[in-house]
């Protein structure tokens, strides 16, 4: 479910508070808007993201299932903080 290219980054942006399509897109500058739309639809079908109308715009948010990923992403952040910047020794 989360193994697709860019999918974890979409979830991360939602966990960080992005709600509108353009906010999400700005958080992932290398991702095309069509691929972002595709990933959001996929996550919505899987029950991770919910989309609600707010006037003329759509707001995106995480469902309870999506919010349950918060500790997973927190653990990844902790791992990165510990092991980034060349701290991993391949030997």
C-alpha atoms as a PDB file:
ATOM      1  CA  UNK A   1       0.000   0.000   0.000  1.00  0.00           C
ATOM      2  CA  UNK A   2       2.786   2.450   0.863  1.00  0.00           C
ATOM      3  CA  UNK A   3       5.482   1.002  -1.360  1.00  0.00           C
ATOM      4  CA  UNK A   4       4.566   2.985  -4.467  1.00  0.00           C
ATOM      5  CA  UNK A   5       6.907   5.687  -5.633  1.00  0.00           C
ATOM      6  CA  UNK A   6       6.174   8.977  -3.826  1.00  0.00           C
ATOM      7  CA  UNK A   7       3.369   7.432  -1.749  1.00  0.00           C
ATOM      8  CA  UNK A   8       5.170   7.668   1.618  1.00  0.00           C
ATOM      9  CA  UNK A   9       5.998  11.307   0.879  1.00  0.00           C
ATOM     10  CA  UNK A  10       2.331  12.082   0.211  1.00  0.00           C
ATOM     11  CA  UNK A  11       1.419  10.565   3.576  1.00  0.00           C
ATOM     12  CA  UNK A  12       4.249  12.485   5.252  1.00  0.00           C
ATOM     13  CA  UNK A  13       2.991  15.777   3.826  1.00  0.00           C
ATOM     14  CA  UNK A  14      -0.502  15.028   5.119  1.00  0.00           C
ATOM     15  CA  UNK A  15       0.905  14.143   8.546  1.00  0.00           C
ATOM     16  CA  UNK A  16       2.737  17.485   8.528  1.00  0.00           C
ATOM     17  CA  UNK A  17      -0.525  19.353   8.009  1.00  0.00           C
ATOM     18  CA  UNK A  18      -0.819  19.971   4.279  1.00  0.00           C
ATOM     19  CA  UNK A  19      -4.480  19.872   3.294  1.00  0.00           C
ATOM     20  CA  UNK A  20      -4.849  21.361  -0.176  1.00  0.00           C
ATOM     21  CA  UNK A  21      -3.571  19.901  -3.414  1.00  0.00           C
ATOM     22  CA  UNK A  22      -1.217  22.825  -4.077  1.00  0.00           C
ATOM     23  CA  UNK A  23       0.224  22.606  -0.544  1.00  0.00           C
ATOM     24  CA  UNK A  24       0.912  18.929  -1.068  1.00  0.00           C
ATOM     25  CA  UNK A  25       2.448  19.598  -4.468  1.00  0.00           C
ATOM     26  CA  UNK A  26       4.719  22.340  -3.096  1.00  0.00           C
ATOM     27  CA  UNK A  27       5.979  19.883  -0.465  1.00  0.00           C
ATOM     28  CA  UNK A  28       7.109  17.497  -3.221  1.00  0.00           C
ATOM     29  CA  UNK A  29       8.522  19.724  -5.970  1.00  0.00           C
ATOM     30  CA  UNK A  30       9.835  16.857  -8.086  1.00  0.00           C
ATOM     31  CA  UNK A  31       6.470  15.112  -8.299  1.00  0.00           C
ATOM     32  CA  UNK A  32       4.158  15.824 -11.217  1.00  0.00           C
ATOM     33  CA  UNK A  33       0.662  17.038 -10.407  1.00  0.00           C
ATOM     34  CA  UNK A  34      -0.884  14.143 -12.333  1.00  0.00           C
ATOM     35  CA  UNK A  35       1.071  11.596 -10.288  1.00  0.00           C
ATOM     36  CA  UNK A  36       0.070  13.363  -7.063  1.00  0.00           C
ATOM     37  CA  UNK A  37      -3.586  13.200  -8.098  1.00  0.00           C
ATOM     38  CA  UNK A  38      -3.174   9.510  -8.901  1.00  0.00           C
ATOM     39  CA  UNK A  39      -1.556   8.758  -5.518  1.00  0.00           C
ATOM     40  CA  UNK A  40      -4.241  10.681  -3.639  1.00  0.00           C
ATOM     41  CA  UNK A  41      -6.995   8.729  -5.436  1.00  0.00           C
ATOM     42  CA  UNK A  42      -5.196   5.468  -4.693  1.00  0.00           C
ATOM     43  CA  UNK A  43      -4.804   6.308  -0.997  1.00  0.00           C
ATOM     44  CA  UNK A  44      -8.443   7.380  -0.876  1.00  0.00           C
ATOM     45  CA  UNK A  45      -9.581   4.040  -2.355  1.00  0.00           C
ATOM     46  CA  UNK A  46      -7.420   2.222   0.190  1.00  0.00           C
ATOM     47  CA  UNK A  47      -9.007   4.113   3.078  1.00  0.00           C
ATOM     48  CA  UNK A  48      -5.901   6.072   4.110  1.00  0.00           C
ATOM     49  CA  UNK A  49      -6.934   9.506   2.777  1.00  0.00           C
ATOM     50  CA  UNK A  50     -10.270  11.285   2.801  1.00  0.00           C
ATOM     51  CA  UNK A  51     -11.219  14.075   0.435  1.00  0.00           C
ATOM     52  CA  UNK A  52     -13.847  16.649   1.386  1.00  0.00           C
ATOM     53  CA  UNK A  53     -15.223  19.601  -0.515  1.00  0.00           C
ATOM     54  CA  UNK A  54     -14.664  23.044   0.961  1.00  0.00           C
ATOM     55  CA  UNK A  55     -16.276  25.570  -1.337  1.00  0.00           C
ATOM     56  CA  UNK A  56     -14.591  25.242  -4.715  1.00  0.00           C
ATOM     57  CA  UNK A  57     -11.547  23.360  -3.437  1.00  0.00           C
ATOM     58  CA  UNK A  58     -10.911  19.871  -2.119  1.00  0.00           C
ATOM     59  CA  UNK A  59      -9.289  19.302   1.234  1.00  0.00           C
ATOM     60  CA  UNK A  60      -7.312  16.150   1.878  1.00  0.00           C
ATOM     61  CA  UNK A  61      -6.765  14.552   5.235  1.00  0.00           C
ATOM     62  CA  UNK A  62      -5.852  11.265   6.768  1.00  0.00           C
ATOM     63  CA  UNK A  63      -8.479   8.822   7.954  1.00  0.00           C
ATOM     64  CA  UNK A  64      -8.045   7.002  11.256  1.00  0.00           C
ATOM     65  CA  UNK A  65      -6.081   4.370   9.333  1.00  0.00           C
ATOM     66  CA  UNK A  66      -3.821   7.093   7.929  1.00  0.00           C
ATOM     67  CA  UNK A  67      -3.354   8.719  11.338  1.00  0.00           C
ATOM     68  CA  UNK A  68      -2.343   5.315  12.698  1.00  0.00           C
ATOM     69  CA  UNK A  69       0.772   5.641  10.504  1.00  0.00           C
ATOM     70  CA  UNK A  70       2.035   8.594  12.598  1.00  0.00           C
ATOM     71  CA  UNK A  71       4.182   6.425  14.919  1.00  0.00           C
ATOM     72  CA  UNK A  72       5.621   4.594  11.905  1.00  0.00           C
ATOM     73  CA  UNK A  73       6.738   7.849  10.303  1.00  0.00           C
ATOM     74  CA  UNK A  74       7.960   9.098  13.688  1.00  0.00           C
ATOM     75  CA  UNK A  75      10.142   6.009  13.981  1.00  0.00           C
ATOM     76  CA  UNK A  76      11.508   6.608  10.484  1.00  0.00           C
ATOM     77  CA  UNK A  77      12.329  10.209  11.429  1.00  0.00           C
ATOM     78  CA  UNK A  78      14.167   8.994  14.546  1.00  0.00           C
ATOM     79  CA  UNK A  79      16.105   6.441  12.515  1.00  0.00           C
ATOM     80  CA  UNK A  80      17.094   9.080   9.977  1.00  0.00           C
ATOM     81  CA  UNK A  81      18.218  11.487  12.685  1.00  0.00           C
ATOM     82  CA  UNK A  82      20.371   8.783  14.216  1.00  0.00           C
ATOM     83  CA  UNK A  83      21.848   7.309  11.057  1.00  0.00           C
ATOM     84  CA  UNK A  84      21.946  10.121   8.507  1.00  0.00           C
ATOM     85  CA  UNK A  85      24.959  12.152   7.424  1.00  0.00           C
ATOM     86  CA  UNK A  86      27.188   9.179   6.722  1.00  0.00           C
ATOM     87  CA  UNK A  87      26.751   7.550  10.127  1.00  0.00           C
ATOM     88  CA  UNK A  88      25.980   4.173   8.525  1.00  0.00           C
ATOM     89  CA  UNK A  89      29.072   2.017   8.254  1.00  0.00           C
ATOM     90  CA  UNK A  90      28.599  -0.638   5.544  1.00  0.00           C
ATOM     91  CA  UNK A  91      31.180  -2.926   7.184  1.00  0.00           C
END
